[in-house]
Amino acid sequence: FQQKIGEFQLIIFDRYARQGVLPIIYFDNIARYVRQGGAVLVAAGPDYASPTSIWRTPLDTVLPAEPVGVIEKPFYAHLSDAGKRHPVTRDLEGSAQEPPHWSRWFRLVNTKNNNGTSVLEGPDGKPALVLAREGEGRVALLLSDHIWLWARGYEGGGPHIDLLRRLSHWL
């Protein structure tokens, strides 16, 4: 994250919590990389709302939502109004039905100060997938670590491959 960061096409943090592995200066480099045209995907679970959150690094300047807690209850992720039009989620298989024809998730990171576009929503309209442009780059923040339920076919699964493919392409 210091010498070769410019060669990266996408940086993914999957349930990442600071454990002292990456020096803090690397997070500053990653934020600069995004502003200069790079892309970051954060797939967050409870770690995002913890004291070791990636939010509590210089990445907070490019991440589109601040964590404030975790909601633990079953819900169907729904397309937001913006999500019905956005290329990442538009016409996502199963989204036209009520409830959507995909499995429930059971955990969502609650956030505030959302400055991106929420394309998937959880309970009470809370953001579940937030997309943002930052400088010349792009950031995606998936606020549930339960997309694996779709992949495993729980309650019929969901369009995880299509969603992640579109998300990677957009990023």
Protein backbone atom coordinates (compact mmCIF):
# COMPACT_ATOMS: atom_id res chain seq x y z
CA PHE A 1 0.00 0.00 0.00
CA GLN A 2 3.00 2.21 -0.29
CA GLN A 3 5.08 1.39 -3.37
CA LYS A 4 2.70 -0.45 -5.73
CA ILE A 5 -0.71 0.93 -4.80
CA GLY A 6 -1.02 2.66 -8.16
CA GLU A 7 -1.03 -0.76 -9.85
CA PHE A 8 -4.13 -1.91 -7.96
CA GLN A 9 -7.52 -1.86 -9.65
CA LEU A 10 -9.61 -2.51 -6.55
CA ILE A 11 -8.84 -2.80 -2.84
CA ILE A 12 -11.25 -4.96 -0.83
CA PHE A 13 -11.60 -4.97 2.94
CA ASP A 14 -13.74 -7.93 3.98
CA ARG A 15 -14.75 -7.64 7.65
CA TYR A 16 -11.44 -5.89 8.30
CA ALA A 17 -10.55 -4.74 11.80
CA ARG A 18 -7.31 -2.98 12.66
CA GLN A 19 -5.02 -5.49 14.35
CA GLY A 20 -1.78 -3.60 13.84
CA VAL A 21 -0.98 -5.42 10.59
CA LEU A 22 -1.18 -2.34 8.37
CA PRO A 23 0.59 0.82 9.52
CA ILE A 24 -1.71 3.83 9.78
CA ILE A 25 0.18 5.58 6.97
CA TYR A 26 -1.08 2.89 4.57
CA PHE A 27 -4.66 3.99 5.19
CA ASP A 28 -3.67 7.54 4.27
CA ASN A 29 -2.15 6.16 1.06
CA ILE A 30 -5.36 4.25 0.30
CA ALA A 31 -7.50 7.36 0.81
CA ARG A 32 -5.21 9.27 -1.56
CA TYR A 33 -5.39 6.36 -4.04
CA VAL A 34 -9.20 6.60 -4.05
CA ARG A 35 -9.24 10.37 -4.54
CA GLN A 36 -6.83 9.92 -7.49
CA GLY A 37 -9.07 7.39 -9.26
CA GLY A 38 -8.79 4.16 -7.29
CA ALA A 39 -11.58 1.98 -5.93
CA VAL A 40 -12.30 0.47 -2.52
CA LEU A 41 -14.95 -2.03 -1.44
CA VAL A 42 -15.61 -2.45 2.27
CA ALA A 43 -17.73 -5.49 3.14
CA ALA A 44 -18.53 -4.70 6.76
CA GLY A 45 -19.83 -6.59 9.72
CA PRO A 46 -19.84 -5.69 13.41
CA ASP A 47 -16.13 -4.89 13.07
CA TYR A 48 -17.08 -1.68 11.24
CA ALA A 49 -18.84 -0.40 14.37
CA SER A 50 -16.07 -1.50 16.77
CA PRO A 51 -13.21 0.47 18.34
CA THR A 52 -10.87 -1.20 15.79
CA SER A 53 -13.02 -0.11 12.84
CA ILE A 54 -11.47 0.83 9.54
CA TRP A 55 -13.58 4.00 9.97
CA ARG A 56 -11.16 5.07 12.71
CA THR A 57 -8.32 5.52 10.21
CA PRO A 58 -7.56 8.15 7.56
CA LEU A 59 -10.01 6.19 5.35
CA ASP A 60 -12.82 8.00 7.16
CA THR A 61 -12.29 10.83 4.67
CA VAL A 62 -13.43 8.64 1.76
CA LEU A 63 -15.86 6.20 3.40
CA PRO A 64 -19.46 7.29 2.77
CA ALA A 65 -21.05 6.48 6.15
CA GLU A 66 -20.04 6.57 9.81
CA PRO A 67 -20.88 3.50 11.92
CA VAL A 68 -23.00 3.98 15.04
CA GLY A 69 -23.93 0.43 16.05
CA VAL A 70 -25.22 -2.91 14.86
CA ILE A 71 -28.82 -3.99 14.25
CA GLU A 72 -29.42 -7.70 14.78
CA LYS A 73 -32.82 -8.66 13.35
CA PRO A 74 -34.07 -10.48 10.25
CA PHE A 75 -34.77 -8.33 7.21
CA TYR A 76 -35.00 -8.41 3.45
CA ALA A 77 -32.64 -6.05 1.67
CA HIS A 78 -34.73 -3.88 -0.69
CA LEU A 79 -33.71 -1.72 -3.59
CA SER A 80 -33.96 1.95 -2.70
CA ASP A 81 -35.53 4.35 -5.20
CA ALA A 82 -32.01 5.19 -6.40
CA GLY A 83 -31.18 1.46 -6.46
CA LYS A 84 -34.04 0.82 -8.87
CA ARG A 85 -32.22 3.07 -11.36
CA HIS A 86 -28.54 2.44 -10.52
CA PRO A 87 -26.60 0.09 -12.85
CA VAL A 88 -25.28 -1.92 -9.88
CA THR A 89 -28.75 -2.92 -8.66
CA ARG A 90 -31.25 -2.05 -11.41
CA ASP A 91 -33.41 -5.07 -12.33
CA LEU A 92 -31.50 -7.30 -9.91
CA GLU A 93 -33.11 -10.74 -10.13
CA GLY A 94 -35.80 -11.13 -7.47
CA SER A 95 -36.08 -7.43 -6.66
CA ALA A 96 -39.46 -6.85 -8.35
CA GLN A 97 -41.39 -8.92 -5.79
CA GLU A 98 -42.50 -7.96 -2.28
CA PRO A 99 -40.75 -9.16 -0.27
CA PRO A 100 -37.85 -9.55 -2.69
CA HIS A 101 -37.37 -13.10 -3.92
CA TRP A 102 -34.16 -13.69 -2.01
CA SER A 103 -33.21 -14.73 1.50
CA ARG A 104 -33.20 -12.54 4.55
CA TRP A 105 -30.12 -11.12 6.22
CA PHE A 106 -29.88 -10.93 10.01
CA ARG A 107 -27.37 -8.18 10.73
CA LEU A 108 -26.80 -4.62 9.55
CA VAL A 109 -24.31 -1.98 10.59
CA ASN A 110 -26.26 1.17 11.49
CA THR A 111 -24.72 4.39 10.18
CA LYS A 112 -25.09 8.15 10.16
CA ASN A 113 -23.79 10.97 8.00
CA ASN A 114 -24.39 9.02 4.80
CA ASN A 115 -22.92 11.04 1.94
CA GLY A 116 -23.22 8.38 -0.75
CA THR A 117 -26.08 6.80 -2.65
CA SER A 118 -27.87 4.03 -0.80
CA VAL A 119 -28.88 1.46 -3.43
CA LEU A 120 -29.90 -1.34 -1.04
CA GLU A 121 -31.79 -0.70 2.16
CA GLY A 122 -32.33 -2.72 5.31
CA PRO A 123 -34.88 -2.35 8.10
CA ASP A 124 -36.57 1.05 8.41
CA GLY A 125 -34.92 2.22 5.19
CA LYS A 126 -31.42 2.11 6.67
CA PRO A 127 -28.59 1.87 4.11
CA ALA A 128 -27.32 -1.65 3.37
CA LEU A 129 -25.17 -0.87 0.30
CA VAL A 130 -23.82 2.64 -0.16
CA LEU A 131 -21.96 3.77 -3.28
CA ALA A 132 -19.97 6.97 -3.49
CA ARG A 133 -17.64 8.88 -5.74
CA GLU A 134 -14.72 10.44 -3.96
CA GLY A 135 -12.53 12.70 -6.05
CA GLU A 136 -11.74 10.68 -9.17
CA GLY A 137 -12.38 7.34 -7.44
CA ARG A 138 -15.22 5.21 -6.17
CA VAL A 139 -16.12 3.55 -2.89
CA ALA A 140 -18.68 0.87 -2.04
CA LEU A 141 -19.73 0.09 1.51
CA LEU A 142 -21.71 -3.12 2.06
CA LEU A 143 -23.11 -2.79 5.57
CA SER A 144 -23.98 -6.43 6.20
CA ASP A 145 -21.74 -9.46 6.40
CA HIS A 146 -24.62 -11.78 5.53
CA ILE A 147 -24.44 -11.82 1.73
CA TRP A 148 -22.94 -15.29 2.21
CA LEU A 149 -26.47 -16.48 3.00
CA TRP A 150 -27.38 -15.75 -0.61
CA ALA A 151 -24.33 -17.70 -1.80
CA ARG A 152 -25.19 -20.72 0.36
CA GLY A 153 -28.79 -20.85 -0.86
CA TYR A 154 -30.32 -20.09 2.54
CA GLU A 155 -34.09 -19.59 2.05
CA GLY A 156 -33.47 -19.86 -1.68
CA GLY A 157 -30.39 -17.63 -1.73
CA GLY A 158 -30.10 -14.47 -3.74
CA PRO A 159 -28.37 -12.81 -6.69
CA HIS A 160 -24.97 -12.54 -4.99
CA ILE A 161 -22.90 -13.31 -8.09
CA ASP A 162 -24.71 -10.76 -10.24
CA LEU A 163 -24.61 -8.11 -7.51
CA LEU A 164 -20.90 -8.58 -6.78
CA ARG A 165 -20.03 -8.73 -10.50
CA ARG A 166 -21.89 -5.48 -11.18
CA LEU A 167 -20.40 -3.89 -8.07
CA SER A 168 -16.86 -4.83 -9.08
CA HIS A 169 -17.47 -3.50 -12.59
CA TRP A 170 -18.87 -0.19 -11.26
CA LEU A 171 -15.92 0.20 -8.93
